[in-house]
Each structure stands twice: as C-alpha cells, then as structure tokens.
Amino acid sequence: MSEELLINITPQETRVAYVENGVLQEVHIERAQRRGLVGNVYKGKVCRVLPGMQAAFLDVGLARTAFLHVSDILNSHSQRNGEQSDSGGEHAPETIMELLREGQDAIVQVVKDPMGSKGARLTTQISIPSRYLVYIPGADHIGVSQKIDEESERLRLKNIIAKYHDEFDPGGYIVRTVAEGVSEESIYNDMCFLQKMWRSIQEKSAAAKSGTLIHEDMPLVMRTMRDMSGIELERVRIDSRATFEKVKKFASKFIPDLEGKVEYYPGERPIFDIYGVEDEIRKSLERKVQLKSGGYLVIDQTEAMTTVDVNTGAFVGHRTLEETIFKTNLEAAQAIVRQLRLRNLGGIIIIDFIDMIDEEHRRAVLRALENCLARDHARTHISEVSSLGLVEMTRKRTRESLEHVLCETCPTCNGRGSIMTVETVCYEIFREIMREDRQFDAQKFLVLASRSVIDLLLDEESTSVAELEDFIGKPIQFQVESEYTQEQFDIVLM
C-alpha cells in the first residue's frame, strides 16, 4: 500500500493531507490566527465551582472559560497518592468542593479544543508525548500500547522503562506503538527528553501568572510527523523550502528512518491539485456522498451527534433485492469510515444501513465496518446493531471537525438547513400588518422585504393585498431591500 503525506504551507495556514493509494484519507488544517489548543499547558485560575455538575470553570487566558470535571482531577489526585485499585478500593470519591475553591490556581492541560459554544476541556493530569513515549507526571504505572501484540516485546519495553525509572522524577509512562522493536538507547533518550520538558514546564509554572500559557504543543507539521511516524510512509512532500529544511532536521534527530523520504516539491502546479485534494475537501463539505455503485450516503452533523443514512439510489443490482442491499451496505461501510476520517467527525455517530433480512449479511457489514476502522488513528467503539437496525458507534473527538474549521453557520437559516418559503413570509407580513393596525394609529404601512417577497406580493398575492387594504381601510406600500434575506421584513408605520 502506498502511503504519502502532502504538506501545503502558506503564511496564513498549514494543511497536511494523508493519502493512501492516491486517495485522500485525512486532512488537517491549522491556521496561524487559530491554532489548536490540545496539548497546551496553562496556569489557570478557578472562576466558578459548580457542585451540582461536579465541575469547575477556569480562566486560562482564552476567549471563553475552560471546563474541568471532577473525574479529571480525581484521576491525577488519586494516582499521585498511590490510590489506584482495580476493584475500586476503599477510598470514597471526593467532591469538587473538596478539591477546588474559587480563586485557586491550577496547572491544567487542554484535552479538547473549544467547540461551538463550549469552552476547552481540561485535565490536571499532564501528559507529554515524545517519539516513543508519553510521560504522565501524576501517574506511577507503565503501560504499553495495545497495538503491540507480542507479549515478549511488551515485557521488554516495560523492563527498559523500569530499568531507568528511578533515575528520573517520579511519574508514569505509556509506550507508543512506534516503539515496537526500537533499541534500549532510543527509549532512554526519549525518557531524558521528556524529563527535560517536564522540568521546563515546572520552572515556567512557578514564575507564571494566572491565565498564562506555559507549554505549547508542536506546530501541525511536526506534530503530524511525530504521531504518524509509525506508518510505513513512502514519502513526505512539502511545498515550502523553509518548512522542508525544518522537517529534515526534525526527522534527522527524532525519526531517522523518515529523513530520506522527506522531499521538497518545487512545482508550479499546487501540490494538492496533483492529487485532487482540493476537490475532495470541497466534496467533504457536502451532505450527500455518491457511491461508485450508484448508491449514496447522507451525512448530517449536529452538536449532539452525527447521523449517516445509506441509500441504494440508482443501484438496482443484477440479482435479488437483498443482494443489491448487501453490496450497497458493504460499499457504504468503507465509504463511511473514509468520510469520518476525512471530515474528522467524532462523538456519537449513528449509521442507518439499509435494512437486511439475512443475519449473515448484517454480521458481514459490521465486520467490514470494524476492519475499515482498524486503520483509523482515532479511538473508536462500535455497538451491536440496535433493535431499530441502527449501528451506534463513538469516535474520539479532540479537535474541531473539518466543517467547523472551514465553514460557519448560515446567516440566513441560522443552522436550520432550511428557510421559510416566499409564500410563508408573505402570510407572516399580512398577520403582522393586522397586528400593528390594532395596536397603533397609523395612516398607512410600508413593507420592507427582499426582492422575491415583494415580487410575490405585487403579483400572485396582489388580490390578497387589496383585500387586506380594504379590511383595515389603509393603503399598503412596498419597498425592496436588496440586503434583506428571504425571511427578513419590516413593517414601517407612516
């Protein structure tokens, strides 16, 4: 399988595309004016403690206060005091009032970016990632990525960490998937790097004021190289000479096996155009996704969840209806996973596959979905098919979806996805005129509205206007306002 990273750099934004066999699978965008916050460490001040929610809001210097739940404090608190217990232990859970008070300072890390109307999600359990490890100062355990299957290798990696553990400040480690098979020296060097980083954070936090950024995560390009370096990339193509040089140095120091695969792309044609990435990004902002068979998906993203509806569309198949439905659902499973990755959709996801009678077909579609998700870098969980024939799943969400990064709420419909018809607006105007006629002593009325509404009032609804004028005994005049949306109108008393 051919896997490539394409990196497009402009002064305003950085875009990274992950391509498998020439097909775009993921795209990440970071704008200079709005960098992601996940991984950043702040010195925050508690603004409000909410016992009913068992949570607190902290001022960390962002536009909105950030949210900290009691569970994200208890984890780090209990681990620091050696209170972990597989069976639940004897320690009663503490309440938010016992752990935080208003005006208190706290060192916190962002685990979820602000999304919509919600502020950032915080934790007091700091974690610092490196090439092979994640260091957790507030923990005391050694974990190994579940994707490393071989027990002897898991034990080897744990023993390396344990061997050098006492040389450094106390804390826990998680061994990342890319550490499989690497040398003891490389693991030790990573431990040294993480310790230096943690001591730097401690020194900065001691001198920092509340609401101050203490540690910022790497920029998108370096972060992507760090997090995706375990993939067998064929090459990394970058269209900026300066960024190319930085990535080469970074790879030489931290990812030597990738250094020779980093290329500078000097071509006149934009790098994303060569692979059709721009077209795929535009398509990913549409509700409807066409399948090769003629079927299609309809994807609706809301604040609560994302729904995916599968339809046969123009696909009629060659055998039975059940066979047609089965093939459409199998193709849809693969397309859905690609769209989840491409659009960076997370949270609760409900998939409405076309109903299948054959139980074996249902199991096969669910297996296909699971197999496709195995290549997803985000953590996912799939439930069984519900009694209504729906597949319920979750996908870890830490950053804004592609739609939220590139789009904004429609000012006309305010996110409803539809607007009132011209006819409906006309009848609203009639009711408003009658309402105001009863309340105020006006000589005549002036209606200000959009071109489409005024045209209908003066044409098809002209008889209704004449009847209304006769009923209220006052003239009604009309004026087009080119800046008004179809739903906007004003009634002026004259």
Protein backbone atom coordinates (compact mmCIF):
# COMPACT_ATOMS: atom_id res chain seq x y z
CA MET A 1 0.00 0.00 0.00
CA SER A 2 1.34 3.42 -0.99
CA GLU A 3 1.04 5.99 1.80
CA GLU A 4 2.11 9.61 1.48
CA LEU A 5 1.95 12.87 3.42
CA LEU A 6 1.41 16.06 1.42
CA ILE A 7 2.17 19.32 3.23
CA ASN A 8 0.97 22.65 1.86
CA ILE A 9 2.36 25.77 3.57
CA THR A 10 1.21 29.39 3.26
CA PRO A 11 1.78 32.27 5.70
CA GLN A 12 -1.88 32.04 6.76
CA GLU A 13 -2.34 28.30 7.18
CA THR A 14 -0.75 24.87 7.13
CA ARG A 15 -2.53 21.91 5.55
CA VAL A 16 -1.50 18.27 5.81
CA ALA A 17 -3.09 15.55 3.65
CA TYR A 18 -2.68 11.83 4.29
CA VAL A 19 -3.08 9.85 1.06
CA GLU A 20 -3.43 6.06 0.66
CA ASN A 21 -3.02 4.65 -2.87
CA GLY A 22 -3.70 8.07 -4.34
CA VAL A 23 -6.93 8.56 -2.34
CA LEU A 24 -7.23 11.25 0.33
CA GLN A 25 -7.99 9.74 3.76
CA GLU A 26 -7.34 12.57 6.21
CA VAL A 27 -6.73 16.29 6.07
CA HIS A 28 -5.61 18.51 8.94
CA ILE A 29 -5.68 22.29 8.82
CA GLU A 30 -4.05 24.75 11.21
CA ARG A 31 -4.46 28.48 10.73
CA ALA A 32 -1.92 30.95 12.04
CA GLN A 33 -4.63 33.01 13.73
CA ARG A 34 -6.39 30.00 15.25
CA ARG A 35 -4.04 27.21 16.23
CA GLY A 36 -5.40 24.17 18.02
CA LEU A 37 -5.01 24.12 21.80
CA VAL A 38 -4.94 20.38 22.56
CA GLY A 39 -1.77 19.51 24.48
CA ASN A 40 -1.17 23.08 25.65
CA VAL A 41 -0.46 23.55 29.36
CA TYR A 42 -1.78 26.62 31.19
CA LYS A 43 -1.69 28.11 34.64
CA GLY A 44 -5.36 28.72 35.25
CA LYS A 45 -7.46 30.32 37.97
CA VAL A 46 -10.71 28.79 39.20
CA CYS A 47 -13.59 31.18 38.40
CA ARG A 48 -16.60 29.13 39.43
CA VAL A 49 -17.12 25.84 41.23
CA LEU A 50 -20.40 24.07 40.39
CA PRO A 51 -21.20 21.35 42.97
CA GLY A 52 -24.31 20.26 41.04
CA MET A 53 -22.24 19.45 37.96
CA GLN A 54 -19.18 18.30 39.97
CA ALA A 55 -17.14 20.61 37.77
CA ALA A 56 -15.40 23.97 37.68
CA PHE A 57 -14.72 26.71 35.14
CA LEU A 58 -11.20 28.08 34.90
CA ASP A 59 -9.79 31.21 33.32
CA VAL A 60 -6.73 30.14 31.34
CA GLY A 61 -6.46 33.29 29.25
CA LEU A 62 -8.72 32.15 26.38
CA ALA A 63 -11.81 33.87 24.97
CA ARG A 64 -14.09 31.52 26.97
CA THR A 65 -13.58 29.94 30.36
CA ALA A 66 -12.50 26.28 30.20
CA PHE A 67 -14.25 23.29 31.76
CA LEU A 68 -12.71 20.90 34.32
CA HIS A 69 -14.71 17.91 35.56
CA VAL A 70 -14.05 16.31 38.94
CA SER A 71 -13.08 13.00 37.29
CA ASP A 72 -10.20 14.74 35.53
CA ILE A 73 -8.93 15.93 38.93
CA LEU A 74 -9.53 12.72 40.85
CA ASN A 75 -7.56 10.62 38.37
CA SER A 76 -4.40 12.60 38.87
CA HIS A 77 -5.04 13.18 42.59
CA SER A 78 -5.56 9.52 43.42
CA GLN A 79 -2.67 8.33 41.26
CA ARG A 80 -0.26 10.76 42.84
CA ASN A 81 -1.18 9.32 46.21
CA GLY A 82 -0.95 5.69 45.13
CA GLU A 83 -4.69 5.11 45.50
CA GLN A 84 -5.32 3.11 42.31
CA SER A 85 -7.31 -0.05 42.78
CA ASP A 86 -8.65 -2.49 40.20
CA SER A 87 -11.51 -3.37 42.49
CA GLY A 88 -12.49 0.19 43.29
CA GLY A 89 -10.55 0.46 46.56
CA GLU A 90 -11.78 1.80 49.87
CA HIS A 91 -11.30 5.47 49.10
CA ALA A 92 -14.56 7.40 48.83
CA PRO A 93 -14.63 9.72 45.79
CA GLU A 94 -14.03 13.33 46.72
CA THR A 95 -16.36 16.11 45.63
CA ILE A 96 -15.36 19.11 43.58
CA MET A 97 -15.72 21.34 46.68
CA GLU A 98 -13.03 19.32 48.48
CA LEU A 99 -10.58 19.67 45.61
CA LEU A 100 -11.05 23.20 44.27
CA ARG A 101 -12.07 26.62 45.53
CA GLU A 102 -12.72 29.86 43.70
CA GLY A 103 -9.59 31.93 43.14
CA GLN A 104 -7.29 28.89 43.35
CA ASP A 105 -4.51 28.46 40.76
CA ALA A 106 -4.13 25.13 38.94
CA ILE A 107 -1.80 23.74 36.28
CA VAL A 108 -4.02 22.25 33.60
CA GLN A 109 -3.77 20.80 30.10
CA VAL A 110 -6.26 21.09 27.24
CA VAL A 111 -7.66 17.72 26.13
CA LYS A 112 -10.40 19.09 23.83
CA ASP A 113 -10.43 22.28 21.80
CA PRO A 114 -13.29 24.77 22.22
CA MET A 115 -16.16 23.55 20.03
CA GLY A 116 -19.18 25.62 19.09
CA SER A 117 -20.44 27.33 22.22
CA LYS A 118 -18.37 25.12 24.55
CA GLY A 119 -15.06 26.14 26.06
CA ALA A 120 -11.96 23.95 26.12
CA ARG A 121 -12.00 20.74 28.19
CA LEU A 122 -9.19 20.48 30.77
CA THR A 123 -7.40 17.92 32.91
CA THR A 124 -4.96 18.30 35.77
CA GLN A 125 -3.22 15.10 34.70
CA ILE A 126 -0.50 16.45 32.44
CA SER A 127 0.79 14.15 29.67
CA ILE A 128 3.79 14.95 27.47
CA PRO A 129 4.28 12.93 24.27
CA SER A 130 7.57 12.21 22.52
CA ARG A 131 8.61 9.95 19.66
CA TYR A 132 8.19 6.65 21.51
CA LEU A 133 6.67 7.51 24.90
CA VAL A 134 4.09 9.56 26.72
CA TYR A 135 5.19 10.79 30.15
CA ILE A 136 2.50 11.32 32.81
CA PRO A 137 3.99 13.11 35.86
CA GLY A 138 0.93 12.43 38.02
CA ALA A 139 0.87 8.66 37.47
CA ASP A 140 3.02 5.77 38.68
CA HIS A 141 2.33 2.96 36.20
CA ILE A 142 3.95 1.75 32.97
CA GLY A 143 1.57 0.99 30.10
CA VAL A 144 2.17 -0.34 26.59
CA SER A 145 0.08 0.38 23.50
CA GLN A 146 -2.48 -2.36 22.90
CA LYS A 147 -1.45 -2.44 19.24
CA ILE A 148 1.82 -4.11 20.29
CA ASP A 149 0.56 -7.70 20.41
CA GLU A 150 3.62 -9.80 21.16
CA GLU A 151 3.85 -10.37 24.90
CA SER A 152 7.65 -10.75 24.92
CA GLU A 153 8.04 -7.34 23.23
CA ARG A 154 5.61 -5.73 25.67
CA LEU A 155 7.61 -7.14 28.57
CA ARG A 156 10.93 -5.99 27.02
CA LEU A 157 9.67 -2.41 26.69
CA LYS A 158 8.28 -2.38 30.23
CA ASN A 159 11.60 -3.64 31.59
CA ILE A 160 13.53 -0.90 29.79
CA ILE A 161 11.32 1.78 31.37
CA ALA A 162 11.58 0.14 34.79
CA LYS A 163 15.38 -0.07 34.50
CA TYR A 164 15.80 3.72 34.21
CA HIS A 165 12.69 4.79 36.09
CA ASP A 166 14.45 5.64 39.34
CA GLU A 167 16.96 7.93 37.60
CA PHE A 168 14.25 10.50 36.92
CA ASP A 169 11.41 12.36 38.61
CA PRO A 170 8.53 10.07 39.58
CA GLY A 171 5.79 9.56 37.03
CA GLY A 172 4.20 7.04 34.70
CA TYR A 173 4.92 6.17 31.08
CA ILE A 174 2.90 4.88 28.18
CA VAL A 175 4.89 3.18 25.42
CA ARG A 176 3.61 4.17 21.97
CA THR A 177 3.05 1.76 19.09
CA VAL A 178 6.04 3.10 17.14
CA ALA A 179 8.37 1.93 19.95
CA GLU A 180 7.97 -1.70 18.88
CA GLY A 181 11.41 -3.11 18.12
CA VAL A 182 13.40 0.07 18.86
CA SER A 183 16.62 -0.03 20.83
CA GLU A 184 17.05 0.47 24.56
CA GLU A 185 19.17 3.55 23.85
CA SER A 186 16.35 5.21 21.87
CA ILE A 187 13.86 4.60 24.69
CA TYR A 188 16.32 6.01 27.24
CA ASN A 189 16.94 9.11 25.11
CA ASP A 190 13.20 9.70 24.93
CA MET A 191 12.93 9.45 28.72
CA CYS A 192 15.69 12.07 29.07
CA PHE A 193 13.93 14.38 26.60
CA LEU A 194 10.60 14.09 28.45
CA GLN A 195 12.22 14.80 31.81
CA LYS A 196 13.81 17.98 30.46
CA MET A 197 10.47 19.05 29.04
CA TRP A 198 8.66 18.43 32.33
CA ARG A 199 11.24 20.32 34.40
CA SER A 200 10.95 23.24 31.99
CA ILE A 201 7.16 23.26 32.49
CA GLN A 202 7.58 23.19 36.26
CA GLU A 203 10.03 26.11 36.21
CA LYS A 204 7.76 28.19 33.96
CA SER A 205 4.65 27.44 36.02
CA ALA A 206 6.34 28.56 39.26
CA ALA A 207 7.03 32.01 37.82
CA ALA A 208 3.93 32.39 35.63
CA LYS A 209 0.84 34.47 36.39
CA SER A 210 -2.68 33.05 36.22
CA GLY A 211 -4.12 32.77 32.71
CA THR A 212 -0.69 32.16 31.17
CA LEU A 213 0.34 29.62 28.52
CA ILE A 214 3.19 27.56 29.98
CA HIS A 215 3.81 24.95 27.30
CA GLU A 216 2.61 24.86 23.70
CA ASP A 217 2.32 21.69 21.68
CA MET A 218 4.31 21.37 18.45
CA PRO A 219 3.01 23.02 15.26
CA LEU A 220 0.86 20.85 13.00
CA VAL A 221 3.64 19.63 10.67
CA MET A 222 5.96 18.42 13.45
CA ARG A 223 3.03 17.01 15.44
CA THR A 224 1.87 15.02 12.40
CA MET A 225 5.37 13.67 11.79
CA ARG A 226 5.61 12.65 15.43
CA ASP A 227 2.18 11.00 15.61
CA MET A 228 2.12 9.31 12.19
CA SER A 229 5.71 8.21 12.03
CA GLY A 230 4.76 4.61 12.80
CA ILE A 231 3.03 4.37 9.43
CA GLU A 232 5.10 2.97 6.56
CA LEU A 233 5.15 6.22 4.64
CA GLU A 234 6.52 6.10 1.12
CA ARG A 235 7.34 9.81 1.11
CA VAL A 236 6.57 13.20 2.64
CA ARG A 237 6.24 16.01 0.08
CA ILE A 238 6.45 19.65 1.23
CA ASP A 239 5.92 22.71 -0.96
CA SER A 240 7.83 25.14 1.31
CA ARG A 241 11.64 25.21 1.27
CA ALA A 242 11.86 26.62 4.82
CA THR A 243 9.47 24.02 6.26
CA PHE A 244 11.25 21.27 4.31
CA GLU A 245 14.56 22.19 5.99
CA LYS A 246 12.92 22.21 9.44
CA VAL A 247 11.28 18.83 8.87
CA LYS A 248 14.55 17.33 7.62
CA LYS A 249 16.31 18.44 10.81
CA PHE A 250 13.44 17.18 12.96
CA ALA A 251 13.43 13.82 11.18
CA SER A 252 17.23 13.53 11.43
CA LYS A 253 17.04 13.97 15.20
CA PHE A 254 13.85 12.12 16.10
CA ILE A 255 12.77 9.97 13.12
CA PRO A 256 15.92 8.90 11.22
CA ASP A 257 14.06 6.27 9.14
CA LEU A 258 11.91 9.04 7.61
CA GLU A 259 14.68 11.52 6.82
CA GLY A 260 15.38 10.10 3.36
CA LYS A 261 11.68 10.13 2.47
CA VAL A 262 11.17 13.87 3.02
CA GLU A 263 11.06 15.71 -0.32
CA TYR A 264 10.81 19.35 -1.35
CA TYR A 265 8.17 19.96 -4.02
CA PRO A 266 9.10 22.99 -6.17
CA GLY A 267 6.49 22.50 -8.94
CA GLU A 268 4.40 25.35 -10.31
CA ARG A 269 1.18 23.35 -10.06
CA PRO A 270 -0.17 23.36 -6.45
CA ILE A 271 0.72 20.14 -4.68
CA PHE A 272 -2.88 19.48 -3.56
CA ASP A 273 -4.15 19.83 -7.14
CA ILE A 274 -1.93 16.98 -8.34
CA TYR A 275 -3.70 14.51 -6.05
CA GLY A 276 -7.17 16.06 -6.35
CA VAL A 277 -7.12 17.02 -2.68
CA GLU A 278 -8.84 20.39 -3.21
CA ASP A 279 -11.81 18.70 -4.92
CA GLU A 280 -12.06 16.10 -2.14
CA ILE A 281 -12.08 18.81 0.53
CA ARG A 282 -14.92 20.60 -1.25
CA LYS A 283 -16.89 17.34 -1.56
CA SER A 284 -16.37 16.61 2.14
CA LEU A 285 -18.39 19.72 3.00
CA GLU A 286 -21.48 18.40 1.19
CA ARG A 287 -24.26 16.36 2.83
CA LYS A 288 -24.53 13.84 0.02
CA VAL A 289 -21.72 11.39 -0.81
CA GLN A 290 -22.05 9.36 -4.01
CA LEU A 291 -21.03 5.69 -4.01
CA LYS A 292 -19.50 4.09 -7.11
CA SER A 293 -22.38 1.63 -7.34
CA GLY A 294 -24.95 4.43 -7.68
CA GLY A 295 -25.98 4.42 -4.04
CA TYR A 296 -25.25 7.35 -1.76
CA LEU A 297 -24.78 8.50 1.83
CA VAL A 298 -26.41 11.46 3.54
CA ILE A 299 -24.30 12.80 6.42
CA ASP A 300 -25.77 15.27 8.91
CA GLN A 301 -23.57 16.74 11.63
CA THR A 302 -25.24 18.28 14.69
CA GLU A 303 -23.92 19.36 18.06
CA ALA A 304 -25.32 16.23 19.73
CA MET A 305 -24.32 13.59 17.17
CA THR A 306 -23.63 12.74 13.54
CA THR A 307 -26.07 10.63 11.53
CA VAL A 308 -25.27 8.70 8.36
CA ASP A 309 -28.08 7.41 6.15
CA VAL A 310 -27.32 4.79 3.47
CA ASN A 311 -29.47 4.66 0.31
CA THR A 312 -29.41 2.41 -2.79
CA GLY A 313 -30.12 5.34 -5.09
CA ALA A 314 -29.71 4.33 -8.76
CA PHE A 315 -28.09 0.97 -7.92
CA VAL A 316 -30.50 -1.84 -8.92
CA GLY A 317 -28.05 -4.76 -8.94
CA HIS A 318 -28.23 -7.87 -11.09
CA ARG A 319 -29.76 -10.47 -8.77
CA THR A 320 -32.13 -10.16 -5.83
CA LEU A 321 -33.06 -7.06 -3.86
CA GLU A 322 -31.35 -8.49 -0.76
CA GLU A 323 -28.09 -8.95 -2.73
CA THR A 324 -28.33 -5.36 -4.01
CA ILE A 325 -28.83 -4.04 -0.47
CA PHE A 326 -25.97 -6.16 0.88
CA LYS A 327 -23.49 -4.90 -1.74
CA THR A 328 -24.57 -1.30 -1.19
CA ASN A 329 -24.08 -1.61 2.56
CA LEU A 330 -20.63 -3.21 2.12
CA GLU A 331 -19.51 -0.36 -0.12
CA ALA A 332 -21.08 2.16 2.26
CA ALA A 333 -19.14 0.75 5.27
CA GLN A 334 -15.84 1.56 3.58
CA ALA A 335 -17.02 4.97 2.39
CA ILE A 336 -18.39 5.90 5.83
CA VAL A 337 -15.07 5.25 7.58
CA ARG A 338 -13.23 7.33 4.99
CA GLN A 339 -15.70 10.18 5.46
CA LEU A 340 -15.38 10.05 9.26
CA ARG A 341 -11.62 10.38 8.95
CA LEU A 342 -11.70 12.95 6.17
CA ARG A 343 -14.29 15.15 7.91
CA ASN A 344 -12.75 14.46 11.36
CA LEU A 345 -16.16 13.60 12.78
CA GLY A 346 -16.28 12.48 16.39
CA GLY A 347 -18.57 11.89 19.34
CA ILE A 348 -21.72 9.80 18.89
CA ILE A 349 -22.28 8.52 15.34
CA ILE A 350 -25.49 6.74 14.25
CA ILE A 351 -25.37 4.77 10.98
CA ASP A 352 -28.62 3.75 9.31
CA PHE A 353 -27.66 0.97 6.92
CA ILE A 354 -30.33 -0.28 4.53
CA ASP A 355 -32.36 -2.99 6.31
CA MET A 356 -31.07 -6.52 5.68
CA ILE A 357 -33.09 -9.68 6.27
CA ASP A 358 -30.15 -12.11 6.20
CA GLU A 359 -28.42 -12.27 9.60
CA GLU A 360 -25.11 -13.29 8.00
CA HIS A 361 -25.25 -10.20 5.79
CA ARG A 362 -25.69 -7.99 8.87
CA ARG A 363 -22.67 -9.59 10.54
CA ALA A 364 -20.58 -9.22 7.37
CA VAL A 365 -21.37 -5.50 7.08
CA LEU A 366 -20.49 -4.96 10.75
CA ARG A 367 -17.18 -6.84 10.26
CA ALA A 368 -16.41 -4.72 7.21
CA LEU A 369 -17.02 -1.57 9.24
CA GLU A 370 -14.74 -2.83 12.04
CA ASN A 371 -11.97 -3.80 9.59
CA CYS A 372 -12.03 -0.37 7.96
CA LEU A 373 -11.96 1.36 11.35
CA ALA A 374 -8.86 -0.62 12.32
CA ARG A 375 -6.83 1.77 10.14
CA ASP A 376 -8.31 4.84 11.82
CA HIS A 377 -5.86 6.66 14.10
CA ALA A 378 -8.67 7.87 16.39
CA ARG A 379 -10.07 5.55 19.04
CA THR A 380 -13.46 4.09 18.08
CA HIS A 381 -16.07 1.83 19.64
CA ILE A 382 -18.92 0.07 17.81
CA SER A 383 -22.03 -1.35 19.45
CA GLU A 384 -24.13 -4.15 18.01
CA VAL A 385 -26.94 -3.37 15.57
CA SER A 386 -29.82 -1.91 17.60
CA SER A 387 -33.41 -3.19 17.57
CA LEU A 388 -34.18 -0.44 15.04
CA GLY A 389 -31.44 -1.66 12.72
CA LEU A 390 -29.06 1.19 13.55
CA VAL A 391 -25.32 0.90 14.21
CA GLU A 392 -24.26 3.09 17.11
CA MET A 393 -20.60 3.99 17.46
CA THR A 394 -18.31 6.58 19.01
CA ARG A 395 -15.14 8.13 17.67
CA LYS A 396 -12.77 10.09 19.86
CA ARG A 397 -13.01 13.81 19.19
CA THR A 398 -10.33 16.23 20.38
CA ARG A 399 -10.31 18.83 17.60
CA GLU A 400 -12.90 20.64 15.52
CA SER A 401 -14.37 18.83 12.51
CA LEU A 402 -13.35 19.93 9.02
CA GLU A 403 -16.73 21.62 8.55
CA HIS A 404 -16.32 23.65 11.74
CA VAL A 405 -12.81 24.72 10.67
CA LEU A 406 -13.78 25.76 7.15
CA CYS A 407 -17.40 26.84 7.47
CA GLU A 408 -19.69 28.96 9.60
CA THR A 409 -23.40 28.88 10.40
CA CYS A 410 -25.59 30.09 7.56
CA PRO A 411 -26.73 33.65 8.45
CA THR A 412 -30.00 33.10 6.59
CA CYS A 413 -31.22 29.88 8.22
CA ASN A 414 -29.07 30.08 11.39
CA GLY A 415 -28.06 26.45 11.08
CA ARG A 416 -31.55 25.03 10.48
CA GLY A 417 -30.65 23.91 6.97
CA SER A 418 -33.86 25.40 5.54
CA ILE A 419 -35.65 28.75 5.25
CA MET A 420 -39.30 29.78 5.10
CA THR A 421 -40.79 29.88 1.63
CA VAL A 422 -41.62 33.21 -0.01
CA GLU A 423 -45.34 32.39 0.37
CA THR A 424 -44.92 31.76 4.12
CA VAL A 425 -43.13 35.10 4.57
CA CYS A 426 -45.94 36.92 2.71
CA TYR A 427 -48.54 35.49 5.08
CA GLU A 428 -46.36 36.44 8.06
CA ILE A 429 -46.36 40.02 6.71
CA PHE A 430 -50.17 40.02 6.42
CA ARG A 431 -50.55 38.88 10.04
CA GLU A 432 -48.03 41.47 11.28
CA ILE A 433 -49.86 44.31 9.47
CA MET A 434 -53.16 43.29 11.09
CA ARG A 435 -51.46 43.04 14.48
CA GLU A 436 -49.93 46.51 14.22
CA ASP A 437 -53.13 48.03 12.86
CA ARG A 438 -54.93 47.01 16.06
CA GLN A 439 -52.20 48.44 18.30
CA PHE A 440 -51.23 51.69 16.57
CA ASP A 441 -52.98 54.55 14.82
CA ALA A 442 -51.10 54.61 11.51
CA GLN A 443 -52.22 56.34 8.30
CA LYS A 444 -50.56 53.76 6.03
CA PHE A 445 -47.99 50.93 6.11
CA LEU A 446 -44.68 50.47 4.30
CA VAL A 447 -43.42 46.91 3.87
CA LEU A 448 -39.64 46.46 3.54
CA ALA A 449 -38.63 43.00 2.27
CA SER A 450 -36.44 41.06 -0.17
CA ARG A 451 -36.97 41.17 -3.93
CA SER A 452 -38.55 37.69 -4.08
CA VAL A 453 -41.09 38.52 -1.38
CA ILE A 454 -42.08 41.92 -2.85
CA ASP A 455 -42.46 40.36 -6.31
CA LEU A 456 -44.87 37.74 -4.98
CA LEU A 457 -46.88 40.36 -3.04
CA LEU A 458 -47.29 42.51 -6.16
CA ASP A 459 -48.05 39.58 -8.47
CA GLU A 460 -49.72 36.37 -7.25
CA GLU A 461 -50.73 37.85 -3.86
CA SER A 462 -51.90 41.22 -5.21
CA THR A 463 -55.56 40.24 -4.68
CA SER A 464 -54.81 39.33 -1.07
CA VAL A 465 -53.08 42.70 -0.59
CA ALA A 466 -56.09 44.54 -2.00
CA GLU A 467 -58.43 42.61 0.32
CA LEU A 468 -56.22 43.43 3.33
CA GLU A 469 -56.16 47.16 2.41
CA ASP A 470 -59.95 47.12 2.17
CA PHE A 471 -60.26 45.30 5.52
CA ILE A 472 -58.03 47.71 7.51
CA GLY A 473 -59.05 50.78 5.49
CA LYS A 474 -55.46 51.92 4.93
CA PRO A 475 -53.03 51.74 1.99
CA ILE A 476 -50.02 49.42 1.97
CA GLN A 477 -46.83 50.34 0.07
CA PHE A 478 -43.84 48.12 -0.75
CA GLN A 479 -40.09 48.69 -0.99
CA VAL A 480 -37.37 46.21 -1.97
CA GLU A 481 -34.38 45.97 0.38
CA SER A 482 -31.58 44.24 -1.50
CA GLU A 483 -29.65 43.42 1.70
CA TYR A 484 -32.57 41.57 3.30
CA THR A 485 -32.62 37.78 3.31
CA GLN A 486 -35.77 35.98 2.20
CA GLU A 487 -37.07 35.68 5.78
CA GLN A 488 -36.39 39.29 6.77
CA PHE A 489 -39.00 42.01 6.62
CA ASP A 490 -40.03 45.19 8.45
CA ILE A 491 -43.37 47.00 8.72
CA VAL A 492 -43.00 50.80 8.92
CA LEU A 493 -45.89 52.85 10.31
CA MET A 494 -46.48 56.07 8.36
